[in-house]
Amino acid sequence: MSEITAQTSELTSQYSAQVAGDLENNRKEQQRITAEIEALQEQLAAVRHDHTVLVNLQEALGVPGAPSEPAAAEPVTSVPAPRKKTASTKAARAAKQTTSDKPAAVKKKQTGRKAAAAKPEPRPAGTKLVDLVREHLAAQIEPRSAAEITTALAQQHPERAAKTTVVRNALEGLVAKNQAQRTKQGTSVFYTAAETAAPAAGEQTPQQPA
């Protein structure tokens, strides 16, 4: 009980000292503000006295001037009248609308051009792909793979964008017609023209169709 009482007394003393300090600070703050108010009141009284003297001088000189007491500024509550639409305003809006519509029209025209450019044109009738493959093989000395032949044909005939699978099918068709030879090296398949082709050692010659 004695320890609890001692702790309570200590806390009470601390709070009492803090409250006393806050009160003293509050009194000093009140004194400071009061002194400032008194000084401002003295300044206001002097300004009012000067105002009275000036008004009296103005009246004595017979010069019309401002009212004797300064009027407080009143907030403006009047609402401006709505503008009337004139011909110039309508013309300006029409010009603005025309200007805003112009980019859209240009954009639409450009979009149409892009669509026309993106649309593939019909290929002209010409040599068949299988004939191009046959001619390419005939001009080669070494065997060529389907991928190599596709690359070479794409360089020689850029208008014929043939895929490797299509070229391989054409090569297999030539092999089936005995117009090309197919050889295999590991997992890779190579093709040569039938006139210059010779089966590799250990390779079986493809069976000829009956």
Protein backbone atom coordinates (compact mmCIF):
# COMPACT_ATOMS: atom_id res chain seq x y z
CA MET A 1 0.00 0.00 0.00
CA SER A 2 2.83 2.40 0.83
CA GLU A 3 4.43 1.89 -2.62
CA ILE A 4 1.13 2.52 -4.42
CA THR A 5 0.52 5.64 -2.36
CA ALA A 6 4.02 6.92 -3.13
CA GLN A 7 3.57 6.33 -6.86
CA THR A 8 0.19 8.08 -6.82
CA SER A 9 1.65 11.06 -4.99
CA GLU A 10 4.52 11.27 -7.48
CA LEU A 11 2.16 11.22 -10.45
CA THR A 12 -0.03 13.86 -8.83
CA SER A 13 2.98 16.08 -8.27
CA GLN A 14 4.07 15.70 -11.88
CA TYR A 15 0.62 16.54 -13.24
CA SER A 16 0.30 19.48 -10.85
CA ALA A 17 3.63 20.89 -11.98
CA GLN A 18 2.67 20.45 -15.66
CA VAL A 19 -0.71 22.12 -15.16
CA ALA A 20 0.90 25.00 -13.28
CA GLY A 21 3.40 25.50 -16.11
CA ASP A 22 0.61 25.45 -18.73
CA LEU A 23 -1.36 28.02 -16.77
CA GLU A 24 1.65 30.31 -16.52
CA ASN A 25 2.23 30.05 -20.26
CA ASN A 26 -1.45 30.77 -20.89
CA ARG A 27 -1.32 33.92 -18.75
CA LYS A 28 1.75 35.16 -20.57
CA GLU A 29 0.07 34.51 -23.93
CA GLN A 30 -3.01 36.46 -22.81
CA GLN A 31 -0.84 39.37 -21.72
CA ARG A 32 1.00 39.39 -25.05
CA ILE A 33 -2.21 39.34 -27.09
CA THR A 34 -3.78 42.03 -24.90
CA ALA A 35 -0.76 44.27 -25.41
CA GLU A 36 -0.97 43.77 -29.17
CA ILE A 37 -4.68 44.59 -29.14
CA GLU A 38 -4.07 47.77 -27.17
CA ALA A 39 -1.34 48.83 -29.56
CA LEU A 40 -3.60 48.18 -32.56
CA GLN A 41 -6.42 50.12 -30.93
CA GLU A 42 -4.07 53.05 -30.44
CA GLN A 43 -3.01 52.85 -34.08
CA LEU A 44 -6.67 52.69 -35.16
CA ALA A 45 -7.53 55.73 -33.05
CA ALA A 46 -4.67 57.70 -34.59
CA VAL A 47 -5.71 56.71 -38.13
CA ARG A 48 -9.30 57.68 -37.42
CA HIS A 49 -8.14 61.04 -36.07
CA ASP A 50 -6.12 61.67 -39.21
CA HIS A 51 -9.14 60.71 -41.31
CA THR A 52 -11.33 63.22 -39.50
CA VAL A 53 -8.77 65.99 -39.98
CA LEU A 54 -8.47 65.26 -43.69
CA VAL A 55 -12.24 65.23 -44.17
CA ASN A 56 -12.53 68.57 -42.44
CA LEU A 57 -9.83 70.02 -44.68
CA GLN A 58 -11.56 68.65 -47.76
CA GLU A 59 -14.86 70.23 -46.74
CA ALA A 60 -13.14 73.52 -45.98
CA LEU A 61 -11.59 73.54 -49.46
CA GLY A 62 -14.96 72.72 -51.03
CA VAL A 63 -13.58 69.75 -52.95
CA PRO A 64 -15.99 66.84 -53.39
CA GLY A 65 -14.41 63.59 -52.36
CA ALA A 66 -15.03 60.20 -50.83
CA PRO A 67 -17.59 59.73 -48.05
CA SER A 68 -16.49 60.65 -44.53
CA GLU A 69 -16.59 57.06 -43.33
CA PRO A 70 -14.82 54.35 -45.37
CA ALA A 71 -17.40 51.94 -46.68
CA ALA A 72 -16.68 48.22 -46.48
CA ALA A 73 -16.23 46.48 -49.80
CA GLU A 74 -19.43 44.71 -50.74
CA PRO A 75 -19.30 41.43 -52.68
CA VAL A 76 -20.45 41.66 -56.27
CA THR A 77 -23.69 39.74 -56.58
CA SER A 78 -24.80 40.88 -60.03
CA VAL A 79 -24.90 38.20 -62.68
CA PRO A 80 -23.83 39.21 -66.23
CA ALA A 81 -26.52 38.96 -68.85
CA PRO A 82 -26.22 35.99 -71.20
CA ARG A 83 -24.51 36.72 -74.49
CA LYS A 84 -26.56 36.79 -77.62
CA LYS A 85 -25.50 34.57 -80.48
CA THR A 86 -24.32 36.77 -83.28
CA ALA A 87 -23.56 35.93 -86.87
CA SER A 88 -19.81 36.13 -86.18
CA THR A 89 -20.14 33.63 -83.33
CA LYS A 90 -22.06 31.20 -85.52
CA ALA A 91 -19.48 31.57 -88.30
CA ALA A 92 -16.63 30.93 -85.85
CA ARG A 93 -18.32 27.77 -84.58
CA ALA A 94 -18.92 26.55 -88.12
CA ALA A 95 -15.27 27.14 -89.00
CA LYS A 96 -14.18 25.30 -85.86
CA GLN A 97 -16.45 22.37 -86.68
CA THR A 98 -15.05 22.23 -90.21
CA THR A 99 -11.50 22.26 -88.87
CA SER A 100 -12.27 19.49 -86.39
CA ASP A 101 -13.90 17.35 -89.07
CA LYS A 102 -10.99 17.74 -91.52
CA PRO A 103 -8.50 15.46 -89.65
CA ALA A 104 -11.19 12.78 -89.41
CA ALA A 105 -11.75 12.89 -93.16
CA VAL A 106 -8.02 12.80 -93.84
CA LYS A 107 -7.63 9.92 -91.40
CA LYS A 108 -10.46 8.02 -93.10
CA LYS A 109 -8.82 8.58 -96.49
CA GLN A 110 -5.45 7.39 -95.21
CA THR A 111 -7.09 4.33 -93.64
CA GLY A 112 -8.68 3.51 -96.99
CA ARG A 113 -5.28 3.81 -98.69
CA LYS A 114 -3.68 1.51 -96.14
CA ALA A 115 -6.45 -1.04 -96.59
CA ALA A 116 -6.00 -0.90 -100.36
CA ALA A 117 -2.25 -1.31 -99.97
CA ALA A 118 -2.67 -4.19 -97.54
CA LYS A 119 -5.03 -6.02 -99.92
CA PRO A 120 -2.90 -8.43 -101.97
CA GLU A 121 -3.03 -7.87 -105.69
CA PRO A 122 -3.87 -10.88 -107.89
CA ARG A 123 -0.74 -12.64 -109.09
CA PRO A 124 -0.20 -12.58 -112.84
CA ALA A 125 -0.41 -15.88 -114.59
CA GLY A 126 3.08 -17.26 -115.22
CA THR A 127 5.37 -20.20 -114.77
CA LYS A 128 4.20 -22.84 -112.32
CA LEU A 129 6.09 -23.31 -109.09
CA VAL A 130 6.96 -26.90 -109.96
CA ASP A 131 8.57 -25.70 -113.21
CA LEU A 132 10.62 -23.12 -111.31
CA VAL A 133 11.75 -25.81 -108.88
CA ARG A 134 12.72 -28.14 -111.76
CA GLU A 135 14.72 -25.39 -113.51
CA HIS A 136 16.46 -24.47 -110.26
CA LEU A 137 17.48 -28.09 -109.61
CA ALA A 138 18.74 -28.46 -113.18
CA ALA A 139 21.04 -25.46 -112.69
CA GLN A 140 22.55 -26.79 -109.44
CA ILE A 141 25.64 -28.97 -109.17
CA GLU A 142 25.27 -29.99 -105.53
CA PRO A 143 22.16 -31.31 -103.78
CA ARG A 144 19.89 -28.71 -102.22
CA SER A 145 17.40 -28.94 -99.35
CA ALA A 146 13.81 -27.71 -99.60
CA ALA A 147 14.64 -24.74 -97.36
CA GLU A 148 17.60 -23.71 -99.54
CA ILE A 149 15.52 -23.98 -102.69
CA THR A 150 12.73 -21.90 -101.07
CA THR A 151 15.22 -19.14 -100.17
CA ALA A 152 16.72 -19.11 -103.65
CA LEU A 153 13.32 -18.94 -105.34
CA ALA A 154 12.22 -16.12 -103.01
CA GLN A 155 15.26 -14.09 -104.10
CA GLN A 156 14.78 -14.84 -107.79
CA HIS A 157 10.99 -14.49 -107.79
CA PRO A 158 9.92 -12.23 -104.90
CA GLU A 159 6.39 -12.12 -106.24
CA ARG A 160 6.05 -15.86 -105.58
CA ALA A 161 6.06 -16.05 -101.79
CA ALA A 162 6.10 -19.84 -101.60
CA LYS A 163 6.53 -21.59 -98.27
CA THR A 164 9.00 -24.37 -97.60
CA THR A 165 6.20 -26.93 -97.24
CA VAL A 166 4.83 -26.03 -100.68
CA VAL A 167 8.28 -26.28 -102.27
CA ARG A 168 8.85 -29.64 -100.55
CA ASN A 169 5.55 -30.94 -101.96
CA ALA A 170 6.62 -29.81 -105.45
CA LEU A 171 9.96 -31.60 -104.99
CA GLU A 172 8.25 -34.79 -103.88
CA GLY A 173 6.02 -34.54 -106.94
CA LEU A 174 9.12 -34.33 -109.17
CA VAL A 175 10.61 -37.32 -107.38
CA ALA A 176 7.41 -39.28 -107.98
CA LYS A 177 7.60 -38.41 -111.70
CA ASN A 178 11.28 -39.46 -111.84
CA GLN A 179 12.24 -35.89 -112.64
CA ALA A 180 14.28 -35.42 -109.44
CA GLN A 181 16.25 -37.52 -107.00
CA ARG A 182 15.98 -37.48 -103.22
CA THR A 183 19.01 -38.28 -101.04
CA LYS A 184 19.29 -38.37 -97.28
CA GLN A 185 22.24 -37.36 -95.13
CA GLY A 186 21.53 -38.08 -91.50
CA THR A 187 18.21 -36.44 -90.74
CA SER A 188 18.42 -33.97 -93.65
CA VAL A 189 16.86 -34.57 -97.07
CA PHE A 190 18.41 -33.14 -100.23
CA TYR A 191 17.19 -33.02 -103.81
CA THR A 192 18.94 -33.03 -107.19
CA ALA A 193 17.81 -33.09 -110.79
CA ALA A 194 17.31 -36.61 -112.18
CA GLU A 195 19.91 -36.15 -114.95
CA THR A 196 22.80 -35.42 -112.54
CA ALA A 197 21.61 -37.35 -109.50
CA ALA A 198 23.40 -40.45 -108.36
CA PRO A 199 22.22 -42.42 -105.34
CA ALA A 200 24.57 -42.15 -102.37
CA ALA A 201 26.36 -45.20 -101.03
CA GLY A 202 24.15 -47.20 -98.75
CA GLU A 203 21.08 -45.38 -100.01
CA GLN A 204 18.24 -47.18 -101.67
CA THR A 205 16.91 -45.78 -104.92
CA PRO A 206 13.27 -44.72 -104.53
CA GLN A 207 10.88 -47.16 -106.08
CA GLN A 208 9.51 -46.08 -109.41
CA PRO A 209 5.76 -45.92 -109.80
CA ALA A 210 4.26 -48.80 -111.78
